[in-house]
């Protein structure tokens, strides 16, 4: 069958990216596979990351962790974002570690413990990002209770962690200093975690002092750069996702022909238009209409007209094309493909969003 649409996932690239971060940082790698592994497929990505040397997986929500367990993943998993009043019995039963950002969550984790089965927790300290995390005013209360619960066998304090803003090296170093104050406070209560982690991809690369015992690698796992001024290749990373489809229709049209809704674009010459069967329902950003780069027959083109829910149009001029020819939407730019970062620039967003938003209608083919 002719390819209709797919996201091809290079699992070897994911494994290699983990190995790269292991060599670069010299510490443990927590592979972040939340949001269906940034759109790449959580279970397959998790297996590839572990094969590359990741020692733990990170997800946002407990249901994501439970699904990995159902897929046969037995490695340590930490989940750190919880609904108000969430209970942790299901996580505890599957040996899923829980991120703790409040006294109430600490109590809920302790209630989920059973005899001879303490709940593994990572205590998150708020150090300036103003999201979740135990606020400094509550550190003494929460850390004292966490130490008590660990002593009586209700909890196992696996980690202490926080998150950086990536606003500037100055801001990140200030957050690290605040985190170190929290670590000293925890030490005063007798808390000695197995791992301390604060760095994600950007800090893991640029701020060696933030690496501590482990780094949480998200966007870098998928071979994409977190920086505006450095490409994946310059960072030694390989993009893992290639999004592609095939030409669904070819139409030769005269000058002055309107294209797609609203006729935002009219052809300025006799030309050939081709239809690509992916649209904003599949994660192609409508905001990039008229600017979205693609590759057909080894040549670069930009879409014309508005991107629709299921399709968009490309003007290929006089290039010889046929129905069924492959269209590469984005992939590894070192192979001549448009990159997810180019798409992000066209849409006014970031490459994280581009890969994560690829919809469920697009089959993932991992190899």
Protein backbone atom coordinates (compact mmCIF):
# COMPACT_ATOMS: atom_id res chain seq x y z
CA UNK A 1 0.00 0.00 0.00
CA UNK A 2 1.08 3.56 -0.67
CA UNK A 3 1.93 5.42 2.50
CA UNK A 4 -0.93 7.68 3.60
CA UNK A 5 0.46 9.24 6.77
CA UNK A 6 2.81 8.07 9.53
CA UNK A 7 5.27 9.16 12.16
CA UNK A 8 8.32 6.94 11.87
CA UNK A 9 10.19 6.65 15.19
CA UNK A 10 13.89 5.78 15.18
CA UNK A 11 14.37 3.86 18.43
CA UNK A 12 18.13 3.60 17.90
CA UNK A 13 18.28 7.40 17.88
CA UNK A 14 16.53 7.48 21.27
CA UNK A 15 18.97 4.96 22.73
CA UNK A 16 21.93 6.86 21.28
CA UNK A 17 20.65 10.14 22.70
CA UNK A 18 20.52 8.59 26.18
CA UNK A 19 24.07 7.28 25.78
CA UNK A 20 25.16 10.76 24.75
CA UNK A 21 23.71 12.30 27.91
CA UNK A 22 25.23 9.57 30.05
CA UNK A 23 28.66 10.35 28.62
CA UNK A 24 28.17 14.11 28.78
CA UNK A 25 26.90 14.31 32.36
CA UNK A 26 28.41 11.27 34.06
CA UNK A 27 25.25 10.81 36.15
CA UNK A 28 22.00 8.86 35.97
CA UNK A 29 19.51 9.70 33.23
CA UNK A 30 15.80 9.89 34.02
CA UNK A 31 14.05 9.51 30.65
CA UNK A 32 10.94 11.68 30.54
CA UNK A 33 8.23 9.84 28.60
CA UNK A 34 5.18 11.87 29.64
CA UNK A 35 2.51 12.85 27.09
CA UNK A 36 2.99 9.61 25.13
CA UNK A 37 6.73 10.28 25.07
CA UNK A 38 6.30 13.74 23.53
CA UNK A 39 4.18 12.09 20.84
CA UNK A 40 6.71 9.34 20.03
CA UNK A 41 4.94 6.41 21.74
CA UNK A 42 5.56 5.88 25.45
CA UNK A 43 6.18 2.14 25.74
CA UNK A 44 8.52 1.80 22.75
CA UNK A 45 10.40 4.95 23.76
CA UNK A 46 10.75 3.71 27.34
CA UNK A 47 12.26 0.43 26.18
CA UNK A 48 14.69 2.25 23.88
CA UNK A 49 15.69 4.73 26.60
CA UNK A 50 16.33 1.96 29.10
CA UNK A 51 18.39 0.11 26.49
CA UNK A 52 20.50 3.24 26.14
CA UNK A 53 21.22 3.33 29.86
CA UNK A 54 18.40 5.34 31.44
CA UNK A 55 17.90 4.19 35.03
CA UNK A 56 14.43 5.61 35.64
CA UNK A 57 11.43 6.88 33.71
CA UNK A 58 9.55 10.11 34.41
CA UNK A 59 5.90 10.85 33.65
CA UNK A 60 3.51 13.59 34.68
CA UNK A 61 0.54 11.52 35.83
CA UNK A 62 -0.01 8.19 37.54
CA UNK A 63 -2.26 6.84 34.72
CA UNK A 64 0.71 7.26 32.36
CA UNK A 65 2.86 5.22 34.72
CA UNK A 66 0.20 2.53 35.12
CA UNK A 67 -0.06 2.19 31.34
CA UNK A 68 3.70 1.62 31.15
CA UNK A 69 3.33 -1.12 33.75
CA UNK A 70 0.55 -2.70 31.67
CA UNK A 71 2.93 -2.64 28.72
CA UNK A 72 5.42 -4.69 30.72
CA UNK A 73 7.82 -1.92 31.79
CA UNK A 74 9.27 -2.89 35.19
CA UNK A 75 11.91 -0.13 35.59
CA UNK A 76 11.52 2.55 38.27
CA UNK A 77 8.98 5.23 37.29
CA UNK A 78 8.26 8.53 39.01
CA UNK A 79 5.01 10.49 38.46
CA UNK A 80 4.89 14.05 39.78
CA UNK A 81 1.65 15.85 38.86
CA UNK A 82 -1.53 14.87 40.70
CA UNK A 83 -5.17 15.86 40.81
CA UNK A 84 -6.46 17.50 44.01
CA UNK A 85 -7.22 14.82 46.58
CA UNK A 86 -5.59 12.05 44.51
CA UNK A 87 -5.02 8.73 46.23
CA UNK A 88 -1.86 6.75 45.64
CA UNK A 89 -2.89 3.14 46.31
CA UNK A 90 -2.80 2.16 42.63
CA UNK A 91 0.65 3.67 42.24
CA UNK A 92 1.95 1.98 45.38
CA UNK A 93 0.61 -1.41 44.26
CA UNK A 94 2.62 -1.10 41.04
CA UNK A 95 5.78 0.21 42.74
CA UNK A 96 5.43 3.62 41.09
CA UNK A 97 7.28 6.44 42.82
CA UNK A 98 5.26 9.54 43.61
CA UNK A 99 6.35 13.15 43.39
CA UNK A 100 5.23 15.06 46.50
CA UNK A 101 4.48 18.79 46.39
CA UNK A 102 2.41 19.32 49.56
CA UNK A 103 1.73 18.09 53.07
CA UNK A 104 -1.60 16.62 51.91
CA UNK A 105 0.12 14.60 49.20
CA UNK A 106 2.65 13.37 51.74
CA UNK A 107 -0.16 12.12 53.98
CA UNK A 108 -1.89 10.46 51.04
CA UNK A 109 1.30 8.64 50.10
CA UNK A 110 1.75 7.39 53.66
CA UNK A 111 -1.84 6.11 53.70
CA UNK A 112 -1.13 4.07 50.57
CA UNK A 113 1.69 2.15 52.27
CA UNK A 114 1.24 -1.39 53.52
CA UNK A 115 3.22 -3.47 55.98
CA UNK A 116 6.70 -4.03 54.55
CA UNK A 117 5.84 -1.91 51.50
CA UNK A 118 6.72 1.77 52.01
CA UNK A 119 5.75 4.12 49.19
CA UNK A 120 8.66 5.54 47.21
CA UNK A 121 8.51 9.34 47.04
CA UNK A 122 10.42 12.21 45.48
CA UNK A 123 9.94 15.41 47.48
CA UNK A 124 9.70 18.40 45.17
CA UNK A 125 10.95 21.72 46.52
CA UNK A 126 9.67 24.97 45.05
CA UNK A 127 12.75 27.01 44.13
CA UNK A 128 11.32 29.79 41.99
CA UNK A 129 9.37 28.35 39.06
CA UNK A 130 6.06 29.13 40.81
CA UNK A 131 4.38 25.90 39.77
CA UNK A 132 4.03 22.81 41.94
CA UNK A 133 6.49 21.99 44.70
CA UNK A 134 6.65 22.39 48.47
CA UNK A 135 6.93 26.14 49.19
CA UNK A 136 9.88 27.20 51.35
CA UNK A 137 7.53 28.28 54.16
CA UNK A 138 6.40 24.64 54.44
CA UNK A 139 9.78 22.96 54.13
CA UNK A 140 10.32 22.38 57.84
CA UNK A 141 6.84 20.97 58.42
CA UNK A 142 6.82 18.67 55.38
CA UNK A 143 10.41 17.50 55.68
CA UNK A 144 10.06 16.76 59.39
CA UNK A 145 6.96 14.66 58.75
CA UNK A 146 8.56 12.94 55.76
CA UNK A 147 11.54 11.96 57.90
CA UNK A 148 9.21 10.59 60.59
CA UNK A 149 7.19 8.60 58.07
CA UNK A 150 10.35 7.13 56.61
CA UNK A 151 11.57 6.11 60.07
CA UNK A 152 8.38 4.20 60.79
CA UNK A 153 8.43 2.47 57.43
CA UNK A 154 5.58 4.25 55.65
CA UNK A 155 7.72 6.04 53.06
CA UNK A 156 11.01 5.58 51.27
CA UNK A 157 12.45 8.95 50.28
CA UNK A 158 13.97 8.14 46.91
CA UNK A 159 14.62 11.66 45.72
CA UNK A 160 14.60 15.38 46.34
CA UNK A 161 14.05 17.43 43.22
CA UNK A 162 13.05 20.73 41.68
CA UNK A 163 12.80 22.35 38.25
CA UNK A 164 14.63 25.21 36.58
CA UNK A 165 13.14 28.04 34.54
CA UNK A 166 15.82 28.22 31.80
CA UNK A 167 15.30 31.98 31.93
CA UNK A 168 19.03 32.68 32.25
CA UNK A 169 22.13 31.09 33.83
CA UNK A 170 21.79 33.64 36.64
CA UNK A 171 18.20 32.62 37.38
CA UNK A 172 19.00 28.92 37.17
CA UNK A 173 21.97 29.25 39.51
CA UNK A 174 19.76 31.16 41.95
CA UNK A 175 17.24 28.31 41.85
CA UNK A 176 20.05 25.80 42.37
CA UNK A 177 21.23 27.75 45.42
CA UNK A 178 17.68 27.70 46.80
CA UNK A 179 17.51 23.96 46.16
CA UNK A 180 20.78 23.45 48.00
CA UNK A 181 19.27 25.28 50.98
CA UNK A 182 16.41 22.82 50.84
CA UNK A 183 18.81 19.90 50.68
CA UNK A 184 20.60 21.20 53.78
CA UNK A 185 17.26 21.54 55.57
CA UNK A 186 16.38 17.97 54.64
CA UNK A 187 19.78 16.77 55.83
CA UNK A 188 19.06 18.42 59.18
CA UNK A 189 16.02 16.15 59.54
CA UNK A 190 18.07 13.09 58.66
CA UNK A 191 16.82 12.82 55.07
CA UNK A 192 19.43 11.35 52.74
CA UNK A 193 17.78 10.65 49.38
CA UNK A 194 19.11 8.20 46.85
CA UNK A 195 19.12 10.86 44.13
CA UNK A 196 18.91 14.64 43.86
CA UNK A 197 17.75 16.03 40.52
CA UNK A 198 17.00 19.50 39.19
CA UNK A 199 18.42 19.67 35.65
CA UNK A 200 16.41 18.97 32.52
CA UNK A 201 17.93 18.90 29.03
CA UNK A 202 19.08 22.53 28.78
CA UNK A 203 20.78 22.70 32.17
CA UNK A 204 22.20 19.19 31.77
CA UNK A 205 24.08 20.50 28.74
CA UNK A 206 24.99 24.04 29.79
CA UNK A 207 25.23 24.07 33.61
CA UNK A 208 27.35 21.15 34.86
CA UNK A 209 26.85 22.19 38.49
CA UNK A 210 23.14 21.33 38.20
CA UNK A 211 23.69 17.69 37.23
CA UNK A 212 23.91 16.41 40.83
CA UNK A 213 22.99 12.70 40.95
CA UNK A 214 20.65 12.54 37.95
CA UNK A 215 19.33 14.60 35.05
CA UNK A 216 15.79 14.47 33.66
CA UNK A 217 16.03 14.36 29.89
CA UNK A 218 12.90 15.22 27.94
CA UNK A 219 13.32 17.06 24.63
CA UNK A 220 16.92 15.88 24.28
CA UNK A 221 15.78 12.27 24.50
CA UNK A 222 13.96 12.81 21.21
CA UNK A 223 16.96 14.42 19.56
CA UNK A 224 15.71 17.99 19.56
CA UNK A 225 17.51 21.09 20.81
CA UNK A 226 16.15 23.17 23.69
CA UNK A 227 18.15 26.16 22.47
CA UNK A 228 17.45 28.82 19.86
CA UNK A 229 21.11 29.16 18.90
CA UNK A 230 22.21 25.52 18.58
CA UNK A 231 20.86 22.73 16.42
CA UNK A 232 20.40 19.09 17.31
CA UNK A 233 23.45 18.17 15.25
CA UNK A 234 25.58 20.75 17.06
CA UNK A 235 24.54 19.14 20.35
CA UNK A 236 25.34 15.63 19.13
CA UNK A 237 21.68 14.55 19.06
CA UNK A 238 19.65 12.63 16.48
CA UNK A 239 15.98 13.54 15.92
CA UNK A 240 13.88 10.43 16.42
CA UNK A 241 10.63 11.35 14.63
CA UNK A 242 10.09 11.64 10.89
CA UNK A 243 6.58 12.74 9.92
CA UNK A 244 5.55 11.87 6.41
CA UNK A 245 2.66 11.23 4.11
CA UNK A 246 1.99 10.88 0.41
CA UNK A 247 0.54 13.00 -2.33
CA UNK A 248 -3.20 12.37 -2.44
CA UNK A 249 -4.01 14.52 -5.50
CA UNK A 250 -2.20 16.42 -8.24
CA UNK A 251 -3.81 19.35 -10.05
CA UNK A 252 -2.41 21.55 -12.82
CA UNK A 253 -3.94 25.04 -12.51
CA UNK A 254 -3.69 28.40 -14.32
CA UNK A 255 -2.45 31.65 -12.87
CA UNK A 256 -4.96 33.31 -10.55
CA UNK A 257 -6.32 30.08 -9.07
CA UNK A 258 -7.47 30.39 -5.44
CA UNK A 259 -6.17 27.82 -2.97
CA UNK A 260 -7.96 26.46 0.10
CA UNK A 261 -10.36 28.31 2.40
CA UNK A 262 -10.61 32.06 2.05
CA UNK A 263 -8.35 32.18 -0.99
CA UNK A 264 -5.56 33.63 1.13
CA UNK A 265 -3.30 32.46 -1.70
CA UNK A 266 -3.83 32.75 -5.44
CA UNK A 267 -1.33 31.30 -7.87
CA UNK A 268 0.84 33.83 -9.71
CA UNK A 269 1.55 31.53 -12.68
CA UNK A 270 0.48 28.27 -14.27
CA UNK A 271 1.61 25.67 -11.77
CA UNK A 272 1.05 22.27 -10.17
CA UNK A 273 -0.67 21.93 -6.80
CA UNK A 274 -0.47 18.77 -4.73
CA UNK A 275 -2.62 17.71 -1.81
CA UNK A 276 -1.02 16.30 1.36
CA UNK A 277 -3.47 14.37 3.62
CA UNK A 278 -2.49 15.75 7.02
CA UNK A 279 -4.03 18.74 8.74
CA UNK A 280 -4.52 20.38 12.08
CA UNK A 281 -6.43 17.30 13.32
CA UNK A 282 -3.12 15.49 12.93
CA UNK A 283 -1.09 18.22 14.64
CA UNK A 284 -0.08 20.25 11.60
CA UNK A 285 -0.20 23.82 12.97
CA UNK A 286 -2.79 25.95 11.17
CA UNK A 287 -0.91 29.04 12.36
CA UNK A 288 1.92 28.05 9.99
CA UNK A 289 -0.28 28.34 6.89
CA UNK A 290 1.72 29.67 3.97
CA UNK A 291 5.04 29.07 5.76
CA UNK A 292 5.19 25.33 6.41
CA UNK A 293 8.22 23.63 4.81
CA UNK A 294 8.05 20.11 3.35
CA UNK A 295 10.26 17.95 1.16
CA UNK A 296 9.02 16.24 -2.02
CA UNK A 297 11.30 14.32 -4.38
CA UNK A 298 14.29 15.67 -2.47
CA UNK A 299 13.28 19.31 -2.99
CA UNK A 300 12.04 21.86 -0.48
CA UNK A 301 8.66 23.52 -0.87
CA UNK A 302 6.39 25.62 1.32
CA UNK A 303 2.66 25.07 1.64
CA UNK A 304 0.22 27.53 0.11
CA UNK A 305 -3.20 28.54 1.40
CA UNK A 306 -4.76 27.72 4.73
CA UNK A 307 -4.00 24.42 6.42
CA UNK A 308 -7.29 22.57 6.87
CA UNK A 309 -8.36 19.94 9.39
CA UNK A 310 -7.29 16.99 7.24
CA UNK A 311 -5.09 18.34 4.45
CA UNK A 312 -2.94 21.11 3.05
CA UNK A 313 -1.73 22.16 -0.39
CA UNK A 314 1.79 22.58 -1.74
CA UNK A 315 2.74 24.43 -4.93
CA UNK A 316 5.46 22.37 -6.65
CA UNK A 317 5.71 24.52 -9.78
CA UNK A 318 6.79 22.40 -12.74
CA UNK A 319 8.31 19.58 -10.71
CA UNK A 320 7.17 16.19 -11.99
CA UNK A 321 5.16 14.47 -9.25
CA UNK A 322 2.58 11.72 -9.03
CA UNK A 323 -0.15 10.58 -6.69
CA UNK A 324 1.46 8.39 -4.02
CA UNK A 325 4.83 10.16 -4.01
CA UNK A 326 6.28 10.56 -0.52
CA UNK A 327 6.10 13.90 1.29
CA UNK A 328 8.44 14.40 4.26
CA UNK A 329 6.96 16.97 6.60
CA UNK A 330 9.83 17.02 9.10
CA UNK A 331 12.64 14.80 10.32
CA UNK A 332 16.42 14.89 10.60
CA UNK A 333 17.74 18.06 8.93
CA UNK A 334 21.17 16.47 8.44
CA UNK A 335 19.44 14.22 5.90
CA UNK A 336 17.99 17.20 4.03
CA UNK A 337 14.56 17.12 5.67
CA UNK A 338 12.79 20.11 7.22
CA UNK A 339 13.18 20.03 10.99
CA UNK A 340 10.62 20.19 13.77
CA UNK A 341 12.35 23.41 14.80
CA UNK A 342 11.69 24.95 11.36
CA UNK A 343 8.04 24.01 11.79
CA UNK A 344 8.05 25.60 15.23
CA UNK A 345 9.51 28.80 13.80
CA UNK A 346 6.83 28.83 11.11
CA UNK A 347 4.09 28.37 13.72
CA UNK A 348 5.52 30.74 16.33
CA UNK A 349 5.98 27.98 18.91
CA UNK A 350 8.65 25.52 20.12
CA UNK A 351 9.77 22.15 18.78
CA UNK A 352 8.51 20.46 21.97
CA UNK A 353 4.96 21.33 20.95
CA UNK A 354 5.38 20.29 17.32
CA UNK A 355 6.24 16.65 18.05
CA UNK A 356 3.94 16.34 21.07
CA UNK A 357 0.88 17.58 19.19
CA UNK A 358 1.03 14.95 16.42
CA UNK A 359 -2.40 13.37 16.71
CA UNK A 360 -3.57 9.83 17.35
CA UNK A 361 -4.83 9.49 13.77
CA UNK A 362 -1.19 9.36 12.65
CA UNK A 363 0.16 5.81 13.10
CA UNK A 364 3.52 5.53 14.86
CA UNK A 365 5.91 3.07 13.25
CA UNK A 366 8.79 2.35 15.59
CA UNK A 367 11.90 0.66 14.26
